């Protein structure tokens, strides 16, 4: 009969020890449980490192693209500068030698004049000399026409400030001749449709 109370005390102590052990085990299990996100600290560090690598790769790609664009720009700038210089040089040469064909056509006329001058001192035939000069004149007139130069008609026409330059005025008796060109001092010429030189004229009043 005396042992029953003792057994009950032992049973209480055992229960207390079991409760304490269960509490400790629970706390230990809570401390060992992984975070709610399911990632360990090492996993988090690994993810951060991967993102940094991606950013670094993207930066390097942008730098390479920028270097490529800069190289293309430098090459294009150099090519354009060479083109500009070449074009300028060609333009200067074209301007310098633009009249080459024209000069080649004028040279034969110069030859004709030299032959006429050569025979002028030795010939007594005035008629032959006159015919030679007429031939040169007609040849030269044809040359001008072939190159788009033609005479501005002025005599007895109304004075036109777009074509004529009045150098003098003269009194006229005929009313119809007033305001018209009474005399041409120096002929004017067109170059195609453009006035190359104004006619210097005397106007009746």
Protein backbone atom coordinates (compact mmCIF):
# COMPACT_ATOMS: atom_id res chain seq x y z
CA UNK A 1 0.00 0.00 0.00
CA UNK A 2 2.87 2.36 0.63
CA UNK A 3 4.34 1.80 -2.86
CA UNK A 4 1.36 3.20 -4.82
CA UNK A 5 1.90 6.84 -3.83
CA UNK A 6 5.57 6.42 -4.71
CA UNK A 7 4.73 5.04 -8.16
CA UNK A 8 2.39 7.92 -8.80
CA UNK A 9 5.15 10.40 -8.02
CA UNK A 10 7.51 8.58 -10.36
CA UNK A 11 4.85 8.62 -13.04
CA UNK A 12 4.36 12.39 -12.61
CA UNK A 13 8.10 13.00 -12.87
CA UNK A 14 8.27 10.87 -16.02
CA UNK A 15 5.40 12.84 -17.56
CA UNK A 16 7.14 16.11 -16.73
CA UNK A 17 10.35 14.88 -18.35
CA UNK A 18 8.49 13.79 -21.48
CA UNK A 19 6.75 17.17 -21.78
CA UNK A 20 10.07 18.99 -21.44
CA UNK A 21 11.72 16.72 -24.04
CA UNK A 22 8.85 17.25 -26.48
CA UNK A 23 9.12 21.04 -26.08
CA UNK A 24 12.87 20.99 -26.69
CA UNK A 25 12.42 18.80 -29.74
CA UNK A 26 9.79 21.16 -31.08
CA UNK A 27 12.05 24.22 -30.61
CA UNK A 28 14.94 22.40 -32.27
CA UNK A 29 12.76 21.39 -35.21
CA UNK A 30 11.58 24.99 -35.63
CA UNK A 31 15.15 26.25 -35.67
CA UNK A 32 16.19 23.67 -38.24
CA UNK A 33 13.20 24.25 -40.54
CA UNK A 34 14.05 26.00 -43.87
CA UNK A 35 12.73 29.48 -44.55
CA UNK A 36 9.16 29.86 -45.80
CA UNK A 37 10.39 30.77 -49.27
CA UNK A 38 11.93 27.33 -49.64
CA UNK A 39 15.41 28.83 -50.40
CA UNK A 40 18.49 28.43 -48.32
CA UNK A 41 20.89 31.37 -47.81
CA UNK A 42 23.35 29.75 -50.24
CA UNK A 43 20.58 29.58 -52.86
CA UNK A 44 19.88 33.30 -52.41
CA UNK A 45 23.56 34.20 -52.85
CA UNK A 46 23.74 32.03 -55.98
CA UNK A 47 20.73 33.84 -57.50
CA UNK A 48 22.29 37.24 -56.85
CA UNK A 49 25.55 36.18 -58.47
CA UNK A 50 23.67 34.95 -61.57
CA UNK A 51 21.85 38.29 -61.97
CA UNK A 52 25.16 40.16 -61.69
CA UNK A 53 26.68 37.95 -64.39
CA UNK A 54 23.75 38.69 -66.70
CA UNK A 55 24.13 42.43 -66.17
CA UNK A 56 27.88 42.19 -66.83
CA UNK A 57 27.26 40.28 -70.07
CA UNK A 58 24.72 42.89 -71.21
CA UNK A 59 27.14 45.75 -70.41
CA UNK A 60 29.90 44.09 -72.39
CA UNK A 61 27.55 43.56 -75.34
CA UNK A 62 26.57 47.24 -75.29
CA UNK A 63 30.23 48.31 -75.12
CA UNK A 64 31.10 46.11 -78.11
CA UNK A 65 28.16 47.52 -80.07
CA UNK A 66 29.22 51.08 -79.22
CA UNK A 67 32.82 50.38 -80.29
CA UNK A 68 31.55 48.91 -83.57
CA UNK A 69 29.36 51.97 -84.24
CA UNK A 70 32.26 54.34 -83.45
CA UNK A 71 34.49 52.44 -85.89
CA UNK A 72 31.83 52.65 -88.61
CA UNK A 73 31.40 56.37 -87.96
CA UNK A 74 35.15 57.03 -88.24
CA UNK A 75 35.36 55.04 -91.49
CA UNK A 76 32.31 56.78 -92.95
CA UNK A 77 33.64 60.20 -91.96
CA UNK A 78 37.00 59.45 -93.61
CA UNK A 79 35.32 58.18 -96.79
CA UNK A 80 33.12 61.28 -97.01
CA UNK A 81 36.13 63.56 -96.51
CA UNK A 82 37.98 61.79 -99.33
CA UNK A 83 34.91 62.04 -101.55
CA UNK A 84 34.57 65.76 -100.83
CA UNK A 85 38.23 66.42 -101.65
CA UNK A 86 38.05 64.34 -104.84
CA UNK A 87 34.87 66.09 -105.97
CA UNK A 88 36.38 69.52 -105.29
CA UNK A 89 39.51 68.61 -107.23
CA UNK A 90 37.46 67.33 -110.18
CA UNK A 91 35.34 70.48 -110.12
CA UNK A 92 38.44 72.68 -110.23
CA UNK A 93 39.82 70.68 -113.14
CA UNK A 94 36.50 70.86 -115.00
CA UNK A 95 36.38 74.64 -114.53
CA UNK A 96 39.99 74.99 -115.60
CA UNK A 97 39.60 72.95 -118.79
CA UNK A 98 35.92 73.58 -119.53
CA UNK A 99 36.77 75.71 -122.59
CA UNK A 100 39.18 73.18 -124.06
CA UNK A 101 36.90 72.17 -126.95
CA UNK A 102 36.00 75.79 -127.62
CA UNK A 103 39.63 76.78 -127.83
CA UNK A 104 40.38 73.93 -130.22
CA UNK A 105 37.71 75.31 -132.56
CA UNK A 106 39.05 78.87 -132.35
CA UNK A 107 42.64 77.92 -133.18
CA UNK A 108 41.92 77.31 -136.92
CA UNK A 109 40.44 80.81 -137.15
CA UNK A 110 43.66 82.15 -135.70
CA UNK A 111 45.53 80.24 -138.42
CA UNK A 112 43.38 81.95 -141.09
CA UNK A 113 44.13 85.38 -139.65
CA UNK A 114 47.85 84.70 -139.62
CA UNK A 115 47.82 83.60 -143.27
CA UNK A 116 45.87 86.75 -144.20
CA UNK A 117 48.37 88.95 -142.39
CA UNK A 118 51.24 87.15 -144.06
CA UNK A 119 49.88 87.83 -147.57
CA UNK A 120 48.76 91.36 -146.77
CA UNK A 121 52.28 92.76 -147.14
CA UNK A 122 53.11 90.87 -150.33
CA UNK A 123 49.91 90.93 -152.40
CA UNK A 124 48.72 93.84 -154.54
CA UNK A 125 45.36 92.24 -155.21
CA UNK A 126 42.96 94.10 -152.91
CA UNK A 127 40.00 92.08 -154.11
CA UNK A 128 41.68 88.79 -153.17
CA UNK A 129 42.52 90.21 -149.75
CA UNK A 130 38.93 91.35 -149.25
CA UNK A 131 37.60 87.95 -150.24
CA UNK A 132 39.98 86.29 -147.79
CA UNK A 133 38.81 88.50 -144.93
CA UNK A 134 35.18 87.88 -145.85
CA UNK A 135 35.86 84.17 -145.79
CA UNK A 136 37.35 84.38 -142.30
CA UNK A 137 34.45 86.52 -141.08
CA UNK A 138 31.83 84.10 -142.40
CA UNK A 139 33.73 81.18 -140.91
CA UNK A 140 33.88 82.88 -137.54
CA UNK A 141 30.17 83.81 -137.66
CA UNK A 142 29.30 80.18 -138.31
CA UNK A 143 31.49 79.14 -135.43
CA UNK A 144 29.56 81.47 -133.07
CA UNK A 145 26.20 80.13 -134.25
CA UNK A 146 27.32 76.55 -133.70
CA UNK A 147 28.15 77.45 -130.11
CA UNK A 148 24.78 79.05 -129.36
CA UNK A 149 25.77 82.69 -129.91
CA UNK A 150 23.53 84.84 -132.07
CA UNK A 151 23.15 88.55 -132.70
CA UNK A 152 20.48 90.66 -130.98
CA UNK A 153 18.44 92.41 -133.67
CA UNK A 154 18.21 96.09 -132.73
CA UNK A 155 18.20 98.47 -135.74
CA UNK A 156 14.88 100.39 -136.13
CA UNK A 157 13.27 98.36 -133.32
CA UNK A 158 11.72 99.79 -130.15
CA UNK A 159 14.22 100.49 -127.42
CA UNK A 160 14.16 97.63 -124.89
CA UNK A 161 15.99 98.00 -121.58
CA UNK A 162 16.23 94.19 -121.33
CA UNK A 163 18.24 94.06 -124.56
CA UNK A 164 19.67 97.51 -125.21
CA UNK A 165 21.93 100.00 -123.51
CA UNK A 166 21.40 103.58 -124.66
CA UNK A 167 24.67 105.46 -125.12
CA UNK A 168 23.20 108.52 -126.82
CA UNK A 169 19.99 110.15 -128.11
CA UNK A 170 19.41 111.82 -131.45
CA UNK A 171 16.67 114.08 -132.76
CA UNK A 172 14.55 112.49 -135.50
CA UNK A 173 12.01 114.14 -137.78
CA UNK A 174 9.92 111.04 -138.35
CA UNK A 175 7.50 110.48 -135.47
CA UNK A 176 7.59 106.73 -136.10
CA UNK A 177 11.30 106.60 -135.24
CA UNK A 178 10.95 108.22 -131.84
CA UNK A 179 11.72 105.76 -129.04
CA UNK A 180 13.35 103.40 -131.51
CA UNK A 181 16.96 102.43 -132.14
CA UNK A 182 18.36 104.87 -134.67
CA UNK A 183 21.85 103.36 -134.77
CA UNK A 184 23.79 100.42 -133.31
CA UNK A 185 27.16 101.40 -131.88
CA UNK A 186 28.08 97.91 -130.67
CA UNK A 187 26.18 94.72 -131.41
CA UNK A 188 24.70 92.67 -128.62
CA UNK A 189 24.55 88.86 -128.48
CA UNK A 190 22.55 86.02 -126.97
CA UNK A 191 24.06 82.87 -125.56
CA UNK A 192 21.19 80.52 -126.29
CA UNK A 193 18.28 82.34 -124.55
CA UNK A 194 20.39 84.49 -122.23
CA UNK A 195 21.68 87.96 -123.06
CA UNK A 196 25.44 87.60 -123.25
CA UNK A 197 26.07 91.26 -124.07
CA UNK A 198 23.65 94.21 -124.37
CA UNK A 199 23.52 96.16 -127.60
CA UNK A 200 24.92 99.69 -127.26
CA UNK A 201 22.53 101.85 -129.25
CA UNK A 202 21.52 105.41 -130.14
CA UNK A 203 17.85 106.13 -129.46
CA UNK A 204 15.70 108.51 -131.50
CA UNK A 205 13.69 111.25 -129.77
